[in-house]
Amino acid sequence: MNRIVLIGRAAKDWELRYTGTGTGIANGVIAVDRQVSQGKEKEADFINLVAFKQTAETCANYIKKGHRFAVEGRLQVRSYDNNEGRKVWVSEVLVDRIEFLEPKQQGSQNQTEGRHSTPPPIDDDDLPF
């Protein structure tokens, strides 16, 4: 069984593109808190996400940097050869389902549920890219 569920905040706005056949593909990054040890400050893991079709468009249109959301999907590990001829391995979650955990922003068409909270700022120095 290959299932993963994550709750966190968007580390950046989602990027949406389309294939030659018109299929939407969106890439995002979720920052998930990890407790290091008792009494120490939490650290964040940054996990790559990929969504397709209508889910891709929804993610790109409504999830902005700092928004809290939950994602369910499956882990994929793939590789490719970079410009230097070296094999690069990439781990990412292929999104099956997304759930918004904050109320919609005023003036937004986003339909979400949950409590309103101000997202903590994400320092760009913490991003792995």
N, C-alpha and C. Protein backbone atom coordinates (compact mmCIF):
# COMPACT_ATOMS: atom_id res chain seq x y z
N MET A 1 0.85 -1.17 0.00
CA MET A 1 0.00 0.00 0.00
C MET A 1 0.90 1.24 0.00
N ASN A 2 0.58 2.19 -0.83
CA ASN A 2 1.35 3.43 -0.95
C ASN A 2 0.38 4.60 -0.79
N ARG A 3 0.17 5.06 0.44
CA ARG A 3 -0.72 6.19 0.75
C ARG A 3 0.01 7.14 1.68
N ILE A 4 -0.17 8.41 1.45
CA ILE A 4 0.44 9.41 2.31
C ILE A 4 -0.56 10.53 2.55
N VAL A 5 -0.62 11.01 3.79
CA VAL A 5 -1.48 12.13 4.17
C VAL A 5 -0.59 13.15 4.86
N LEU A 6 -0.66 14.40 4.41
CA LEU A 6 0.16 15.47 4.97
C LEU A 6 -0.71 16.67 5.28
N ILE A 7 -0.39 17.36 6.38
CA ILE A 7 -1.03 18.62 6.73
C ILE A 7 0.08 19.64 6.94
N GLY A 8 -0.05 20.77 6.28
CA GLY A 8 0.98 21.80 6.41
C GLY A 8 0.56 23.07 5.71
N ARG A 9 1.57 23.86 5.36
CA ARG A 9 1.34 25.14 4.69
C ARG A 9 2.09 25.17 3.36
N ALA A 10 1.51 25.89 2.41
CA ALA A 10 2.15 26.02 1.11
C ALA A 10 3.44 26.83 1.27
N ALA A 11 4.55 26.26 0.81
CA ALA A 11 5.84 26.94 0.90
C ALA A 11 5.99 27.98 -0.20
N LYS A 12 5.17 27.87 -1.23
CA LYS A 12 5.19 28.83 -2.34
C LYS A 12 3.87 28.68 -3.09
N ASP A 13 3.58 29.61 -3.97
CA ASP A 13 2.40 29.48 -4.83
C ASP A 13 2.59 28.30 -5.77
N TRP A 14 1.51 27.63 -6.10
CA TRP A 14 1.57 26.50 -7.04
C TRP A 14 1.84 27.02 -8.45
N GLU A 15 2.54 26.23 -9.23
CA GLU A 15 2.83 26.56 -10.63
C GLU A 15 2.03 25.62 -11.53
N LEU A 16 1.22 26.20 -12.41
CA LEU A 16 0.35 25.43 -13.30
C LEU A 16 0.86 25.52 -14.73
N ARG A 17 0.89 24.37 -15.41
CA ARG A 17 1.23 24.34 -16.84
C ARG A 17 0.33 23.29 -17.48
N TYR A 18 0.34 23.27 -18.80
CA TYR A 18 -0.50 22.32 -19.53
C TYR A 18 0.34 21.52 -20.51
N THR A 19 -0.03 20.25 -20.67
CA THR A 19 0.63 19.41 -21.66
C THR A 19 0.13 19.79 -23.04
N GLY A 20 0.71 19.21 -24.07
CA GLY A 20 0.27 19.47 -25.43
C GLY A 20 -1.16 19.08 -25.68
N THR A 21 -1.67 18.13 -24.90
CA THR A 21 -3.06 17.68 -25.06
C THR A 21 -4.02 18.45 -24.15
N GLY A 22 -3.50 19.44 -23.40
CA GLY A 22 -4.37 20.26 -22.57
C GLY A 22 -4.56 19.79 -21.15
N THR A 23 -3.83 18.77 -20.72
CA THR A 23 -3.95 18.28 -19.34
C THR A 23 -3.19 19.20 -18.40
N GLY A 24 -3.86 19.66 -17.35
CA GLY A 24 -3.22 20.53 -16.37
C GLY A 24 -2.31 19.75 -15.44
N ILE A 25 -1.14 20.32 -15.16
CA ILE A 25 -0.20 19.76 -14.20
C ILE A 25 0.26 20.90 -13.31
N ALA A 26 0.11 20.73 -11.99
CA ALA A 26 0.53 21.77 -11.05
C ALA A 26 1.56 21.20 -10.09
N ASN A 27 2.57 22.01 -9.80
CA ASN A 27 3.60 21.64 -8.85
C ASN A 27 3.55 22.58 -7.67
N GLY A 28 3.63 22.01 -6.47
CA GLY A 28 3.64 22.81 -5.25
C GLY A 28 4.57 22.17 -4.24
N VAL A 29 4.76 22.89 -3.13
CA VAL A 29 5.59 22.39 -2.04
C VAL A 29 4.84 22.63 -0.75
N ILE A 30 4.72 21.59 0.08
CA ILE A 30 4.08 21.72 1.38
C ILE A 30 5.15 21.68 2.47
N ALA A 31 5.07 22.62 3.41
CA ALA A 31 5.97 22.65 4.56
C ALA A 31 5.24 21.98 5.72
N VAL A 32 5.81 20.89 6.21
CA VAL A 32 5.20 20.11 7.29
C VAL A 32 6.11 20.18 8.50
N ASP A 33 5.55 20.61 9.65
CA ASP A 33 6.34 20.71 10.87
C ASP A 33 6.77 19.34 11.38
N ARG A 34 8.00 19.31 11.91
CA ARG A 34 8.55 18.09 12.50
C ARG A 34 9.14 18.48 13.85
N GLN A 35 8.70 17.81 14.92
CA GLN A 35 9.25 18.05 16.25
C GLN A 35 10.60 17.38 16.34
N VAL A 36 11.65 18.14 16.58
CA VAL A 36 13.00 17.59 16.63
C VAL A 36 13.21 16.83 17.92
N SER A 37 13.05 17.49 19.05
CA SER A 37 13.13 16.84 20.36
C SER A 37 12.43 17.73 21.37
N GLN A 38 12.19 17.17 22.54
CA GLN A 38 11.46 17.88 23.59
C GLN A 38 12.12 19.22 23.89
N GLY A 39 11.34 20.29 23.86
CA GLY A 39 11.84 21.60 24.23
C GLY A 39 12.55 22.35 23.12
N LYS A 40 12.81 21.71 22.02
CA LYS A 40 13.48 22.39 20.90
C LYS A 40 12.44 22.88 19.90
N GLU A 41 12.84 23.87 19.14
CA GLU A 41 11.95 24.44 18.14
C GLU A 41 11.68 23.44 17.01
N LYS A 42 10.48 23.49 16.46
CA LYS A 42 10.12 22.60 15.36
C LYS A 42 10.92 22.95 14.12
N GLU A 43 11.16 21.96 13.30
CA GLU A 43 11.77 22.16 11.99
C GLU A 43 10.73 21.78 10.95
N ALA A 44 10.95 22.20 9.73
CA ALA A 44 9.99 21.90 8.67
C ALA A 44 10.63 21.00 7.62
N ASP A 45 9.82 20.07 7.14
CA ASP A 45 10.19 19.27 5.97
C ASP A 45 9.44 19.87 4.79
N PHE A 46 10.13 20.00 3.66
CA PHE A 46 9.53 20.56 2.45
C PHE A 46 9.35 19.42 1.46
N ILE A 47 8.09 19.13 1.13
CA ILE A 47 7.76 17.97 0.32
C ILE A 47 7.13 18.43 -0.99
N ASN A 48 7.69 17.95 -2.10
CA ASN A 48 7.19 18.30 -3.43
C ASN A 48 5.86 17.60 -3.69
N LEU A 49 4.94 18.32 -4.32
CA LEU A 49 3.62 17.80 -4.66
C LEU A 49 3.36 18.00 -6.15
N VAL A 50 2.64 17.05 -6.76
CA VAL A 50 2.25 17.15 -8.16
C VAL A 50 0.77 16.79 -8.26
N ALA A 51 -0.02 17.66 -8.90
CA ALA A 51 -1.45 17.42 -9.09
C ALA A 51 -1.76 17.49 -10.58
N PHE A 52 -2.81 16.78 -10.99
CA PHE A 52 -3.18 16.69 -12.39
C PHE A 52 -4.63 17.11 -12.61
N LYS A 53 -4.93 17.52 -13.83
CA LYS A 53 -6.28 17.83 -14.32
C LYS A 53 -6.97 18.88 -13.45
N GLN A 54 -8.23 18.62 -13.04
CA GLN A 54 -9.00 19.59 -12.27
C GLN A 54 -8.36 19.88 -10.92
N THR A 55 -7.78 18.87 -10.30
CA THR A 55 -7.10 19.08 -9.02
C THR A 55 -5.95 20.05 -9.18
N ALA A 56 -5.23 19.96 -10.30
CA ALA A 56 -4.11 20.87 -10.57
C ALA A 56 -4.61 22.32 -10.65
N GLU A 57 -5.70 22.52 -11.37
CA GLU A 57 -6.24 23.87 -11.52
C GLU A 57 -6.74 24.42 -10.18
N THR A 58 -7.38 23.57 -9.39
CA THR A 58 -7.86 23.98 -8.07
C THR A 58 -6.69 24.41 -7.18
N CYS A 59 -5.65 23.59 -7.14
CA CYS A 59 -4.48 23.91 -6.32
C CYS A 59 -3.85 25.23 -6.76
N ALA A 60 -3.65 25.40 -8.06
CA ALA A 60 -3.00 26.60 -8.57
C ALA A 60 -3.84 27.85 -8.34
N ASN A 61 -5.15 27.72 -8.42
CA ASN A 61 -6.03 28.88 -8.27
C ASN A 61 -6.26 29.29 -6.82
N TYR A 62 -6.23 28.34 -5.89
CA TYR A 62 -6.66 28.65 -4.53
C TYR A 62 -5.62 28.47 -3.44
N ILE A 63 -4.55 27.77 -3.68
CA ILE A 63 -3.54 27.58 -2.64
C ILE A 63 -2.38 28.52 -2.91
N LYS A 64 -2.21 29.48 -2.03
CA LYS A 64 -1.13 30.46 -2.15
C LYS A 64 -0.15 30.25 -1.00
N LYS A 65 1.02 30.81 -1.13
CA LYS A 65 2.07 30.68 -0.12
C LYS A 65 1.51 31.01 1.26
N GLY A 66 1.73 30.11 2.22
CA GLY A 66 1.27 30.29 3.59
C GLY A 66 -0.07 29.67 3.90
N HIS A 67 -0.87 29.32 2.90
CA HIS A 67 -2.18 28.71 3.15
C HIS A 67 -2.01 27.31 3.74
N ARG A 68 -2.87 27.00 4.71
CA ARG A 68 -2.85 25.69 5.37
C ARG A 68 -3.80 24.76 4.65
N PHE A 69 -3.33 23.53 4.37
CA PHE A 69 -4.16 22.57 3.67
C PHE A 69 -3.68 21.15 3.98
N ALA A 70 -4.54 20.19 3.64
CA ALA A 70 -4.20 18.77 3.79
C ALA A 70 -4.19 18.15 2.41
N VAL A 71 -3.33 17.19 2.23
CA VAL A 71 -3.22 16.52 0.94
C VAL A 71 -3.13 15.01 1.18
N GLU A 72 -3.78 14.26 0.30
CA GLU A 72 -3.69 12.80 0.33
C GLU A 72 -3.25 12.35 -1.05
N GLY A 73 -2.35 11.40 -1.07
CA GLY A 73 -1.86 10.91 -2.35
C GLY A 73 -0.94 9.72 -2.18
N ARG A 74 -0.06 9.55 -3.15
CA ARG A 74 0.89 8.43 -3.10
C ARG A 74 2.28 8.95 -3.41
N LEU A 75 3.27 8.33 -2.81
CA LEU A 75 4.65 8.72 -2.99
C LEU A 75 5.20 8.13 -4.27
N GLN A 76 5.89 8.97 -5.04
CA GLN A 76 6.55 8.51 -6.26
C GLN A 76 8.02 8.92 -6.19
N VAL A 77 8.89 8.00 -6.55
CA VAL A 77 10.32 8.30 -6.65
C VAL A 77 10.70 8.06 -8.10
N ARG A 78 11.27 9.08 -8.74
CA ARG A 78 11.66 8.96 -10.14
C ARG A 78 13.06 9.51 -10.31
N SER A 79 13.64 9.26 -11.46
CA SER A 79 14.99 9.76 -11.72
C SER A 79 15.07 10.31 -13.14
N TYR A 80 16.06 11.16 -13.34
CA TYR A 80 16.36 11.69 -14.68
C TYR A 80 17.84 12.03 -14.72
N ASP A 81 18.38 12.16 -15.91
CA ASP A 81 19.77 12.56 -16.09
C ASP A 81 19.82 14.06 -16.29
N ASN A 82 20.62 14.75 -15.45
CA ASN A 82 20.72 16.21 -15.57
C ASN A 82 21.67 16.60 -16.71
N ASN A 83 21.90 17.89 -16.87
CA ASN A 83 22.74 18.40 -17.96
C ASN A 83 24.17 17.90 -17.89
N GLU A 84 24.62 17.53 -16.70
CA GLU A 84 25.99 17.03 -16.53
C GLU A 84 26.06 15.52 -16.70
N GLY A 85 24.94 14.90 -17.04
CA GLY A 85 24.91 13.45 -17.24
C GLY A 85 24.78 12.65 -15.96
N ARG A 86 24.52 13.31 -14.85
CA ARG A 86 24.36 12.62 -13.57
C ARG A 86 22.89 12.29 -13.34
N LYS A 87 22.66 11.14 -12.73
CA LYS A 87 21.29 10.72 -12.41
C LYS A 87 20.83 11.47 -11.15
N VAL A 88 19.67 12.09 -11.25
CA VAL A 88 19.08 12.83 -10.14
C VAL A 88 17.80 12.11 -9.73
N TRP A 89 17.66 11.86 -8.42
CA TRP A 89 16.46 11.19 -7.90
C TRP A 89 15.55 12.24 -7.28
N VAL A 90 14.25 12.11 -7.55
CA VAL A 90 13.25 13.05 -7.05
C VAL A 90 12.14 12.27 -6.35
N SER A 91 11.81 12.70 -5.13
CA SER A 91 10.66 12.14 -4.41
C SER A 91 9.56 13.19 -4.40
N GLU A 92 8.34 12.76 -4.70
CA GLU A 92 7.21 13.69 -4.73
C GLU A 92 5.93 12.93 -4.43
N VAL A 93 4.93 13.67 -3.97
CA VAL A 93 3.62 13.09 -3.70
C VAL A 93 2.70 13.43 -4.86
N LEU A 94 2.11 12.41 -5.46
CA LEU A 94 1.11 12.59 -6.51
C LEU A 94 -0.23 12.77 -5.81
N VAL A 95 -0.82 13.94 -5.96
CA VAL A 95 -2.01 14.33 -5.20
C VAL A 95 -3.26 13.66 -5.76
N ASP A 96 -4.00 12.99 -4.88
CA ASP A 96 -5.30 12.43 -5.22
C ASP A 96 -6.43 13.30 -4.69
N ARG A 97 -6.19 13.90 -3.51
CA ARG A 97 -7.25 14.67 -2.85
C ARG A 97 -6.63 15.82 -2.07
N ILE A 98 -7.32 16.94 -2.06
CA ILE A 98 -6.85 18.12 -1.34
C ILE A 98 -7.97 18.62 -0.46
N GLU A 99 -7.64 19.13 0.72
CA GLU A 99 -8.66 19.70 1.61
C GLU A 99 -8.13 21.01 2.17
N PHE A 100 -8.93 22.06 2.03
CA PHE A 100 -8.55 23.36 2.54
C PHE A 100 -8.86 23.43 4.03
N LEU A 101 -7.96 23.99 4.82
CA LEU A 101 -8.13 24.01 6.27
C LEU A 101 -8.31 25.41 6.83
N GLU A 102 -8.49 26.39 5.96
CA GLU A 102 -8.74 27.76 6.38
C GLU A 102 -9.97 28.29 5.66
N PRO A 103 -10.67 29.24 6.27
CA PRO A 103 -11.83 29.81 5.57
C PRO A 103 -11.38 30.59 4.36
N LYS A 104 -12.31 30.76 3.42
CA LYS A 104 -11.94 31.48 2.20
C LYS A 104 -11.60 32.92 2.53
N GLN A 105 -10.65 33.44 1.77
CA GLN A 105 -10.23 34.83 1.94
C GLN A 105 -11.30 35.73 1.35
N GLN A 106 -11.49 36.90 1.92
CA GLN A 106 -12.49 37.84 1.41
C GLN A 106 -12.12 38.22 -0.02
N GLY A 107 -13.10 38.17 -0.91
CA GLY A 107 -12.86 38.50 -2.30
C GLY A 107 -12.35 37.32 -3.10
N SER A 108 -12.23 36.17 -2.48
CA SER A 108 -11.75 34.96 -3.16
C SER A 108 -12.92 34.04 -3.41
N GLN A 109 -12.82 33.20 -4.43
CA GLN A 109 -13.86 32.23 -4.72
C GLN A 109 -13.59 30.92 -4.01
N ASN A 110 -12.55 30.87 -3.22
CA ASN A 110 -12.14 29.65 -2.55
C ASN A 110 -13.19 29.21 -1.54
N GLN A 111 -13.64 27.98 -1.61
CA GLN A 111 -14.59 27.44 -0.66
C GLN A 111 -13.85 26.51 0.28
N THR A 112 -13.64 26.98 1.52
CA THR A 112 -12.89 26.18 2.48
C THR A 112 -13.62 26.16 3.80
N GLU A 113 -13.19 25.28 4.66
CA GLU A 113 -13.74 25.18 5.99
C GLU A 113 -12.60 25.18 6.98
N GLY A 114 -12.90 25.49 8.25
CA GLY A 114 -11.88 25.43 9.28
C GLY A 114 -11.82 26.73 10.04
N ARG A 115 -10.84 26.81 10.93
CA ARG A 115 -10.65 28.00 11.74
C ARG A 115 -9.74 28.97 11.02
N HIS A 116 -9.95 30.26 11.27
CA HIS A 116 -9.10 31.28 10.66
C HIS A 116 -7.87 31.47 11.55
N SER A 117 -6.72 31.43 10.95
CA SER A 117 -5.50 31.73 11.67
C SER A 117 -4.54 32.40 10.71
N THR A 118 -3.70 33.26 11.25
CA THR A 118 -2.72 33.93 10.42
C THR A 118 -1.54 33.00 10.23
N PRO A 119 -1.21 32.68 8.98
CA PRO A 119 -0.11 31.75 8.75
C PRO A 119 1.22 32.36 9.14
N PRO A 120 2.09 31.56 9.75
CA PRO A 120 3.41 32.08 10.09
C PRO A 120 4.21 32.28 8.81
N PRO A 121 5.08 33.28 8.80
CA PRO A 121 5.87 33.49 7.59
C PRO A 121 6.84 32.33 7.37
N ILE A 122 7.06 32.00 6.11
CA ILE A 122 8.01 30.95 5.76
C ILE A 122 9.24 31.65 5.20
N ASP A 123 10.37 31.46 5.84
CA ASP A 123 11.61 32.08 5.41
C ASP A 123 12.11 31.39 4.15
N ASP A 124 12.35 32.16 3.09
CA ASP A 124 12.83 31.59 1.83
C ASP A 124 14.16 30.86 2.00
N ASP A 125 14.93 31.19 3.04
CA ASP A 125 16.20 30.51 3.27
C ASP A 125 15.98 29.05 3.66
N ASP A 126 14.77 28.71 4.16
CA ASP A 126 14.47 27.34 4.56
C ASP A 126 14.08 26.47 3.38
N LEU A 127 13.79 27.08 2.22
CA LEU A 127 13.36 26.30 1.06
C LEU A 127 14.53 25.56 0.46
N PRO A 128 14.32 24.32 0.06
CA PRO A 128 15.42 23.50 -0.47
C PRO A 128 15.75 23.78 -1.92
N PHE A 129 15.22 24.84 -2.51
CA PHE A 129 15.50 25.14 -3.92
C PHE A 129 15.79 26.59 -4.10
